[in-house]
Amino acid sequence: MSVTTTTTTRPTVLRRTTLVAGWSMIVLGVGHLVTFLASAGQDATTSRELKRLAEVQVAVPGLPHSLADLFLGFSLTMALLLVTVGALLVLVARHAAQAPGLLATVQLVVVTFAGVGLVLSWLYLPLPPVVGLSIALAAGLWGLVAARRTTAR
């Protein structure tokens, strides 16, 4: 009976925690995009500072860009990457039965990505990314610990 519990519980825990991490990243990415687009140029101070950023040209390989271009590009890319990584996690979790060993490896990637992202967010970003990545990190760690305990039984 414990063998059955071990073989069914481990994938279930990993699947659920992968879904939590994935949806956390999707919500964070969509929230970032909506907030960014809704707040762009809303108040006089933000509009003035964005205009100042547009005046500063940066020498980077490729086409010439202003700091405003880079700010816009980084923000949109961040939202896209978070939604994409989250969607991939949700897809992997939903199809976990087809590749049973994949979830533990995916959880290691989640823990690494969310952990590094959390440190960077804590240092440089406002509260929402800290919360979203904390949820993803906690889910990844919970999945790995629960899966390890189940396997050890």
C-alpha atoms as a PDB file:
ATOM      1  CA  MET A   1       0.000   0.000   0.000  1.00  0.00           C
ATOM      2  CA  SER A   2       2.829   2.470   0.745  1.00  0.00           C
ATOM      3  CA  VAL A   3       4.296   1.751  -2.691  1.00  0.00           C
ATOM      4  CA  THR A   4       1.045   2.882  -4.295  1.00  0.00           C
ATOM      5  CA  THR A   5       0.974   5.982  -2.083  1.00  0.00           C
ATOM      6  CA  THR A   6       4.576   6.793  -2.985  1.00  0.00           C
ATOM      7  CA  THR A   7       4.057   6.440  -6.701  1.00  0.00           C
ATOM      8  CA  THR A   8       0.865   8.482  -6.756  1.00  0.00           C
ATOM      9  CA  THR A   9       1.648  11.145  -4.128  1.00  0.00           C
ATOM     10  CA  ARG A  10       5.005  12.296  -5.470  1.00  0.00           C
ATOM     11  CA  PRO A  11       3.747  13.174  -8.978  1.00  0.00           C
ATOM     12  CA  THR A  12       0.593  14.713  -7.498  1.00  0.00           C
ATOM     13  CA  VAL A  13       2.527  17.012  -5.157  1.00  0.00           C
ATOM     14  CA  LEU A  14       5.006  17.962  -7.869  1.00  0.00           C
ATOM     15  CA  ARG A  15       2.188  18.531 -10.348  1.00  0.00           C
ATOM     16  CA  ARG A  16       0.235  20.772  -7.984  1.00  0.00           C
ATOM     17  CA  THR A  17       3.231  22.819  -6.905  1.00  0.00           C
ATOM     18  CA  THR A  18       4.317  23.220 -10.526  1.00  0.00           C
ATOM     19  CA  LEU A  19       0.827  24.523 -11.332  1.00  0.00           C
ATOM     20  CA  VAL A  20       1.012  26.992  -8.424  1.00  0.00           C
ATOM     21  CA  ALA A  21       4.423  28.244  -9.564  1.00  0.00           C
ATOM     22  CA  GLY A  22       3.245  28.493 -13.172  1.00  0.00           C
ATOM     23  CA  TRP A  23       0.072  30.405 -12.382  1.00  0.00           C
ATOM     24  CA  SER A  24       1.992  32.681 -10.020  1.00  0.00           C
ATOM     25  CA  MET A  25       4.302  33.653 -12.875  1.00  0.00           C
ATOM     26  CA  ILE A  26       1.420  34.100 -15.340  1.00  0.00           C
ATOM     27  CA  VAL A  27      -0.433  36.393 -12.913  1.00  0.00           C
ATOM     28  CA  LEU A  28       2.778  38.318 -12.192  1.00  0.00           C
ATOM     29  CA  GLY A  29       3.518  38.763 -15.917  1.00  0.00           C
ATOM     30  CA  VAL A  30      -0.022  39.818 -16.855  1.00  0.00           C
ATOM     31  CA  GLY A  31      -0.175  42.098 -13.809  1.00  0.00           C
ATOM     32  CA  HIS A  32       3.131  43.681 -14.799  1.00  0.00           C
ATOM     33  CA  LEU A  33       1.922  44.291 -18.353  1.00  0.00           C
ATOM     34  CA  VAL A  34      -1.446  45.733 -17.299  1.00  0.00           C
ATOM     35  CA  THR A  35       0.098  47.955 -14.619  1.00  0.00           C
ATOM     36  CA  PHE A  36       2.845  49.130 -16.952  1.00  0.00           C
ATOM     37  CA  LEU A  37       0.470  49.976 -19.788  1.00  0.00           C
ATOM     38  CA  ALA A  38      -2.099  51.597 -17.487  1.00  0.00           C
ATOM     39  CA  SER A  39       0.422  53.787 -15.674  1.00  0.00           C
ATOM     40  CA  ALA A  40       2.540  54.945 -18.616  1.00  0.00           C
ATOM     41  CA  GLY A  41       2.363  58.723 -18.639  1.00  0.00           C
ATOM     42  CA  GLN A  42      -0.569  58.970 -16.218  1.00  0.00           C
ATOM     43  CA  ASP A  43       0.844  61.708 -14.030  1.00  0.00           C
ATOM     44  CA  ALA A  44       2.908  64.781 -14.838  1.00  0.00           C
ATOM     45  CA  THR A  45       6.038  63.568 -13.052  1.00  0.00           C
ATOM     46  CA  THR A  46       6.064  60.211 -14.866  1.00  0.00           C
ATOM     47  CA  SER A  47       5.430  61.894 -18.238  1.00  0.00           C
ATOM     48  CA  ARG A  48       8.229  64.383 -17.639  1.00  0.00           C
ATOM     49  CA  GLU A  49      10.711  61.688 -16.599  1.00  0.00           C
ATOM     50  CA  LEU A  50       9.804  59.441 -19.556  1.00  0.00           C
ATOM     51  CA  LYS A  51      10.427  62.388 -21.891  1.00  0.00           C
ATOM     52  CA  ARG A  52      13.823  62.914 -20.248  1.00  0.00           C
ATOM     53  CA  LEU A  53      14.630  59.214 -20.711  1.00  0.00           C
ATOM     54  CA  ALA A  54      13.696  59.526 -24.393  1.00  0.00           C
ATOM     55  CA  GLU A  55      16.314  62.246 -24.794  1.00  0.00           C
ATOM     56  CA  VAL A  56      19.166  60.081 -23.507  1.00  0.00           C
ATOM     57  CA  GLN A  57      20.652  58.026 -26.335  1.00  0.00           C
ATOM     58  CA  VAL A  58      22.492  54.832 -25.441  1.00  0.00           C
ATOM     59  CA  ALA A  59      25.200  53.227 -27.553  1.00  0.00           C
ATOM     60  CA  VAL A  60      24.254  49.570 -27.800  1.00  0.00           C
ATOM     61  CA  PRO A  61      24.832  47.161 -30.669  1.00  0.00           C
ATOM     62  CA  GLY A  62      22.168  47.392 -33.339  1.00  0.00           C
ATOM     63  CA  LEU A  63      19.843  50.318 -33.869  1.00  0.00           C
ATOM     64  CA  PRO A  64      20.260  53.459 -31.765  1.00  0.00           C
ATOM     65  CA  HIS A  65      18.052  53.479 -28.659  1.00  0.00           C
ATOM     66  CA  SER A  66      17.084  55.856 -25.902  1.00  0.00           C
ATOM     67  CA  LEU A  67      16.786  54.923 -22.248  1.00  0.00           C
ATOM     68  CA  ALA A  68      13.010  55.164 -22.717  1.00  0.00           C
ATOM     69  CA  ASP A  69      13.201  52.569 -25.515  1.00  0.00           C
ATOM     70  CA  LEU A  70      15.212  50.262 -23.287  1.00  0.00           C
ATOM     71  CA  PHE A  71      12.833  50.789 -20.346  1.00  0.00           C
ATOM     72  CA  LEU A  72       9.838  49.949 -22.548  1.00  0.00           C
ATOM     73  CA  GLY A  73      11.577  46.986 -24.149  1.00  0.00           C
ATOM     74  CA  PHE A  74      12.747  45.509 -20.848  1.00  0.00           C
ATOM     75  CA  SER A  75       9.311  45.918 -19.279  1.00  0.00           C
ATOM     76  CA  LEU A  76       7.436  44.307 -22.168  1.00  0.00           C
ATOM     77  CA  THR A  77      10.014  41.516 -22.428  1.00  0.00           C
ATOM     78  CA  MET A  78       9.763  40.858 -18.677  1.00  0.00           C
ATOM     79  CA  ALA A  79       5.995  40.482 -18.913  1.00  0.00           C
ATOM     80  CA  LEU A  80       6.288  38.200 -21.957  1.00  0.00           C
ATOM     81  CA  LEU A  81       8.945  36.017 -20.332  1.00  0.00           C
ATOM     82  CA  LEU A  82       7.002  35.612 -17.090  1.00  0.00           C
ATOM     83  CA  VAL A  83       3.812  34.650 -18.931  1.00  0.00           C
ATOM     84  CA  THR A  84       5.731  32.264 -21.208  1.00  0.00           C
ATOM     85  CA  VAL A  85       7.616  30.537 -18.378  1.00  0.00           C
ATOM     86  CA  GLY A  86       4.384  30.281 -16.386  1.00  0.00           C
ATOM     87  CA  ALA A  87       2.517  28.823 -19.352  1.00  0.00           C
ATOM     88  CA  LEU A  88       5.282  26.284 -19.931  1.00  0.00           C
ATOM     89  CA  LEU A  89       5.083  25.213 -16.279  1.00  0.00           C
ATOM     90  CA  VAL A  90       1.312  24.798 -16.516  1.00  0.00           C
ATOM     91  CA  LEU A  91       1.678  22.747 -19.714  1.00  0.00           C
ATOM     92  CA  VAL A  92       4.383  20.534 -18.200  1.00  0.00           C
ATOM     93  CA  ALA A  93       2.254  19.967 -15.090  1.00  0.00           C
ATOM     94  CA  ARG A  94      -0.801  19.061 -17.151  1.00  0.00           C
ATOM     95  CA  HIS A  95       1.151  16.541 -19.226  1.00  0.00           C
ATOM     96  CA  ALA A  96       3.261  15.195 -16.358  1.00  0.00           C
ATOM     97  CA  ALA A  97       1.947  11.646 -16.732  1.00  0.00           C
ATOM     98  CA  GLN A  98       3.655  11.388 -20.126  1.00  0.00           C
ATOM     99  CA  ALA A  99       7.090  12.156 -18.610  1.00  0.00           C
ATOM    100  CA  PRO A 100       6.994  11.221 -14.924  1.00  0.00           C
ATOM    101  CA  GLY A 101      10.609  12.082 -14.109  1.00  0.00           C
ATOM    102  CA  LEU A 102      10.404  15.529 -15.673  1.00  0.00           C
ATOM    103  CA  LEU A 103       8.572  17.317 -12.834  1.00  0.00           C
ATOM    104  CA  ALA A 104      11.385  17.045 -10.290  1.00  0.00           C
ATOM    105  CA  THR A 105      13.830  18.531 -12.805  1.00  0.00           C
ATOM    106  CA  VAL A 106      11.347  21.270 -13.682  1.00  0.00           C
ATOM    107  CA  GLN A 107      10.965  22.064  -9.974  1.00  0.00           C
ATOM    108  CA  LEU A 108      14.735  22.535  -9.689  1.00  0.00           C
ATOM    109  CA  VAL A 109      14.557  25.019 -12.559  1.00  0.00           C
ATOM    110  CA  VAL A 110      11.618  26.783 -10.860  1.00  0.00           C
ATOM    111  CA  VAL A 111      13.501  27.046  -7.566  1.00  0.00           C
ATOM    112  CA  THR A 112      16.604  28.407  -9.317  1.00  0.00           C
ATOM    113  CA  PHE A 113      14.699  30.881 -11.519  1.00  0.00           C
ATOM    114  CA  ALA A 114      12.397  32.091  -8.746  1.00  0.00           C
ATOM    115  CA  GLY A 115      15.216  32.244  -6.188  1.00  0.00           C
ATOM    116  CA  VAL A 116      17.505  34.372  -8.331  1.00  0.00           C
ATOM    117  CA  GLY A 117      14.543  36.468  -9.494  1.00  0.00           C
ATOM    118  CA  LEU A 118      13.456  36.984  -5.889  1.00  0.00           C
ATOM    119  CA  VAL A 119      16.886  38.252  -4.844  1.00  0.00           C
ATOM    120  CA  LEU A 120      16.983  40.669  -7.789  1.00  0.00           C
ATOM    121  CA  SER A 121      13.405  41.775  -7.106  1.00  0.00           C
ATOM    122  CA  TRP A 122      14.132  42.333  -3.432  1.00  0.00           C
ATOM    123  CA  LEU A 123      17.112  44.514  -4.316  1.00  0.00           C
ATOM    124  CA  TYR A 124      15.698  46.502  -7.245  1.00  0.00           C
ATOM    125  CA  LEU A 125      11.941  46.164  -7.721  1.00  0.00           C
ATOM    126  CA  PRO A 126       8.677  46.990  -5.953  1.00  0.00           C
ATOM    127  CA  LEU A 127       6.635  44.547  -3.856  1.00  0.00           C
ATOM    128  CA  PRO A 128       4.553  42.671  -6.518  1.00  0.00           C
ATOM    129  CA  PRO A 129       7.483  40.765  -8.089  1.00  0.00           C
ATOM    130  CA  VAL A 130       8.786  39.942  -4.605  1.00  0.00           C
ATOM    131  CA  VAL A 131       5.404  38.430  -3.697  1.00  0.00           C
ATOM    132  CA  GLY A 132       4.896  36.615  -7.010  1.00  0.00           C
ATOM    133  CA  LEU A 133       8.356  35.093  -7.073  1.00  0.00           C
ATOM    134  CA  SER A 134       8.122  34.204  -3.377  1.00  0.00           C
ATOM    135  CA  ILE A 135       4.992  32.189  -4.168  1.00  0.00           C
ATOM    136  CA  ALA A 136       6.735  30.435  -7.056  1.00  0.00           C
ATOM    137  CA  LEU A 137       9.820  29.733  -4.935  1.00  0.00           C
ATOM    138  CA  ALA A 138       7.751  28.427  -2.015  1.00  0.00           C
ATOM    139  CA  ALA A 139       5.770  26.165  -4.350  1.00  0.00           C
ATOM    140  CA  GLY A 140       8.949  24.815  -5.926  1.00  0.00           C
ATOM    141  CA  LEU A 141      10.595  24.153  -2.577  1.00  0.00           C
ATOM    142  CA  TRP A 142       7.418  22.617  -1.151  1.00  0.00           C
ATOM    143  CA  GLY A 143       7.162  20.288  -4.138  1.00  0.00           C
ATOM    144  CA  LEU A 144      10.771  19.162  -3.888  1.00  0.00           C
ATOM    145  CA  VAL A 145      10.645  18.622  -0.120  1.00  0.00           C
ATOM    146  CA  ALA A 146       7.300  16.800  -0.254  1.00  0.00           C
ATOM    147  CA  ALA A 147       8.467  14.635  -3.134  1.00  0.00           C
ATOM    148  CA  ARG A 148      11.671  13.770  -1.288  1.00  0.00           C
ATOM    149  CA  ARG A 149       9.764  12.835   1.889  1.00  0.00           C
ATOM    150  CA  THR A 150       7.377  10.682  -0.115  1.00  0.00           C
ATOM    151  CA  THR A 151      10.244   8.956  -1.903  1.00  0.00           C
ATOM    152  CA  ALA A 152      12.058   8.313   1.390  1.00  0.00           C
ATOM    153  CA  ARG A 153       9.084   6.428   2.877  1.00  0.00           C
END
